[in-house]
Amino acid sequence: MSAAESQQRIGWSYLIAALLSLIGLADSIYLTVEHLTGQSLRCTIISGCSEVLSSPYSHIGSVPLAALGAMAYFTVFDLSILAAFGYRFARPLLLALLALMFLMTLWLLYLQAFVIRHFCQYCLLSAAVTITLTAIALAGRSWKTTD
């Protein structure tokens, strides 16, 4: 594979990550708006959204965790776009952010499973997006480029 083909492959993985991060962003914004307006969420696939989202673990102070998730997904989108267009400084920042998001996802899944004992479909969607983003970033990291 030539260096140009390798660079193009890397660019596409970052563009896919950017598009995927928009799903997480939409999910997080929806949860944030619902939390701030006091709306009750309807779980259509599994039950447990209300228990999870009204738990003491769903916010830090008065800030919903979903708002922090929205900021993280927006940053992933930004860094992915920058990385896709060759801004090398964005790559390590993106990997660091995804590592933090991945660890937070594991913690929140643990809380849902063993402490709250309920699952939220919106939270599981966010977890799936974060895990997929992490896998894409790790796979893309193994592709070598030359500049």
Protein backbone atom coordinates (compact mmCIF):
# COMPACT_ATOMS: atom_id res chain seq x y z
CA MET A 1 0.00 0.00 0.00
CA SER A 2 1.40 3.40 -0.95
CA ALA A 3 1.73 6.27 1.52
CA ALA A 4 -1.07 8.15 -0.25
CA GLU A 5 -3.44 5.16 0.08
CA SER A 6 -2.52 4.79 3.73
CA GLN A 7 -3.13 8.50 4.38
CA GLN A 8 -6.51 8.29 2.64
CA ARG A 9 -7.47 5.26 4.76
CA ILE A 10 -6.58 7.13 7.94
CA GLY A 11 -8.61 10.12 6.79
CA TRP A 12 -11.68 7.99 6.21
CA SER A 13 -11.47 6.37 9.64
CA TYR A 14 -11.47 9.82 11.22
CA LEU A 15 -14.40 10.94 9.07
CA ILE A 16 -16.34 7.84 10.14
CA ALA A 17 -15.47 8.66 13.76
CA ALA A 18 -16.73 12.23 13.25
CA LEU A 19 -20.05 10.99 11.85
CA LEU A 20 -20.41 8.44 14.64
CA SER A 21 -19.71 11.09 17.26
CA LEU A 22 -22.74 13.01 15.95
CA ILE A 23 -24.94 10.10 17.06
CA GLY A 24 -23.48 10.35 20.56
CA LEU A 25 -23.87 14.12 20.48
CA ALA A 26 -27.56 13.88 19.51
CA ASP A 27 -28.18 11.28 22.22
CA SER A 28 -26.43 13.39 24.87
CA ILE A 29 -28.19 16.61 23.86
CA TYR A 30 -31.56 14.83 23.99
CA LEU A 31 -30.83 13.52 27.49
CA THR A 32 -29.57 16.91 28.64
CA VAL A 33 -32.66 18.73 27.39
CA GLU A 34 -34.95 16.14 28.97
CA HIS A 35 -33.07 16.43 32.27
CA LEU A 36 -33.06 20.22 32.34
CA THR A 37 -36.74 20.51 31.43
CA GLY A 38 -37.75 17.84 33.94
CA GLN A 39 -39.34 15.65 31.30
CA SER A 40 -39.74 11.97 32.00
CA LEU A 41 -38.13 9.70 29.42
CA ARG A 42 -39.94 6.85 27.81
CA CYS A 43 -37.91 3.72 27.34
CA THR A 44 -39.19 1.89 24.30
CA ILE A 45 -36.74 -1.01 24.21
CA ILE A 46 -35.95 -1.72 27.87
CA SER A 47 -37.25 -0.34 31.14
CA GLY A 48 -35.07 1.47 33.62
CA CYS A 49 -34.37 4.85 32.05
CA SER A 50 -36.11 6.78 34.82
CA GLU A 51 -34.25 4.89 37.55
CA VAL A 52 -30.88 5.47 35.91
CA LEU A 53 -31.45 9.08 34.93
CA SER A 54 -32.88 10.07 38.31
CA SER A 55 -30.12 8.36 40.27
CA PRO A 56 -27.54 10.39 42.18
CA TYR A 57 -24.98 9.22 39.62
CA SER A 58 -26.70 11.02 36.73
CA HIS A 59 -25.25 14.42 37.55
CA ILE A 60 -22.29 16.15 39.13
CA GLY A 61 -23.70 18.93 41.26
CA SER A 62 -26.40 20.46 39.12
CA VAL A 63 -24.73 19.48 35.82
CA PRO A 64 -26.19 16.40 34.13
CA LEU A 65 -23.61 13.84 33.00
CA ALA A 66 -25.30 13.93 29.61
CA ALA A 67 -24.18 17.58 29.23
CA LEU A 68 -20.59 16.53 29.87
CA GLY A 69 -21.11 13.74 27.34
CA ALA A 70 -22.37 16.25 24.79
CA MET A 71 -19.25 18.37 25.27
CA ALA A 72 -17.06 15.28 24.93
CA TYR A 73 -18.81 14.10 21.74
CA PHE A 74 -18.60 17.59 20.25
CA THR A 75 -14.87 17.65 21.00
CA VAL A 76 -14.46 14.19 19.45
CA PHE A 77 -16.23 15.50 16.34
CA ASP A 78 -13.93 18.52 16.15
CA LEU A 79 -10.73 16.55 16.71
CA SER A 80 -11.81 13.84 14.25
CA ILE A 81 -12.42 16.40 11.52
CA LEU A 82 -9.06 18.02 12.19
CA ALA A 83 -7.31 14.64 12.16
CA ALA A 84 -9.10 13.62 8.96
CA PHE A 85 -7.66 16.65 7.22
CA GLY A 86 -4.12 15.99 8.36
CA TYR A 87 -3.74 18.05 11.53
CA ARG A 88 -1.44 15.70 13.40
CA PHE A 89 -1.76 17.47 16.76
CA ALA A 90 -5.42 16.35 16.90
CA ARG A 91 -4.63 12.62 16.87
CA PRO A 92 -3.07 12.26 20.34
CA LEU A 93 -5.68 14.60 21.81
CA LEU A 94 -8.44 12.49 20.26
CA LEU A 95 -6.91 9.27 21.60
CA ALA A 96 -6.57 10.75 25.08
CA LEU A 97 -10.17 11.98 25.10
CA LEU A 98 -11.48 8.65 23.83
CA ALA A 99 -9.49 6.82 26.52
CA LEU A 100 -11.16 8.98 29.19
CA MET A 101 -14.57 8.47 27.63
CA PHE A 102 -13.99 4.71 27.43
CA LEU A 103 -13.02 4.50 31.10
CA MET A 104 -16.03 6.62 32.10
CA THR A 105 -18.26 4.36 30.00
CA LEU A 106 -16.97 1.29 31.83
CA TRP A 107 -17.64 2.99 35.18
CA LEU A 108 -21.18 3.99 34.18
CA LEU A 109 -21.95 0.50 32.87
CA TYR A 110 -20.75 -0.92 36.19
CA LEU A 111 -23.02 1.49 38.07
CA GLN A 112 -26.02 0.55 35.95
CA ALA A 113 -25.42 -3.19 36.32
CA PHE A 114 -24.38 -3.51 39.95
CA VAL A 115 -25.42 -0.39 41.86
CA ILE A 116 -28.55 1.01 40.21
CA ARG A 117 -29.55 -2.42 38.84
CA HIS A 118 -31.34 -0.89 35.86
CA PHE A 119 -30.25 -0.01 32.36
CA CYS A 120 -31.11 2.99 30.23
CA GLN A 121 -31.34 2.46 26.47
CA TYR A 122 -30.01 5.97 25.79
CA CYS A 123 -27.04 5.34 28.07
CA LEU A 124 -26.39 2.01 26.36
CA LEU A 125 -26.47 3.77 22.98
CA SER A 126 -23.87 6.23 24.24
CA ALA A 127 -21.77 3.35 25.56
CA ALA A 128 -21.95 1.58 22.19
CA VAL A 129 -20.91 4.77 20.38
CA THR A 130 -17.97 5.35 22.73
CA ILE A 131 -16.77 1.74 22.49
CA THR A 132 -17.03 1.85 18.69
CA LEU A 133 -15.18 5.18 18.54
CA THR A 134 -12.43 3.73 20.71
CA ALA A 135 -12.15 0.66 18.45
CA ILE A 136 -11.96 2.86 15.34
CA ALA A 137 -9.28 5.03 16.93
CA LEU A 138 -7.22 2.01 17.99
CA ALA A 139 -7.57 0.41 14.56
CA GLY A 140 -6.63 3.66 12.85
CA ARG A 141 -3.63 4.04 15.14
CA SER A 142 -2.14 0.84 13.75
CA TRP A 143 -2.17 2.23 10.20
CA LYS A 144 1.16 3.87 9.48
CA THR A 145 1.49 7.15 7.62
CA THR A 146 4.43 9.06 6.32
CA ASP A 147 4.50 12.83 6.23
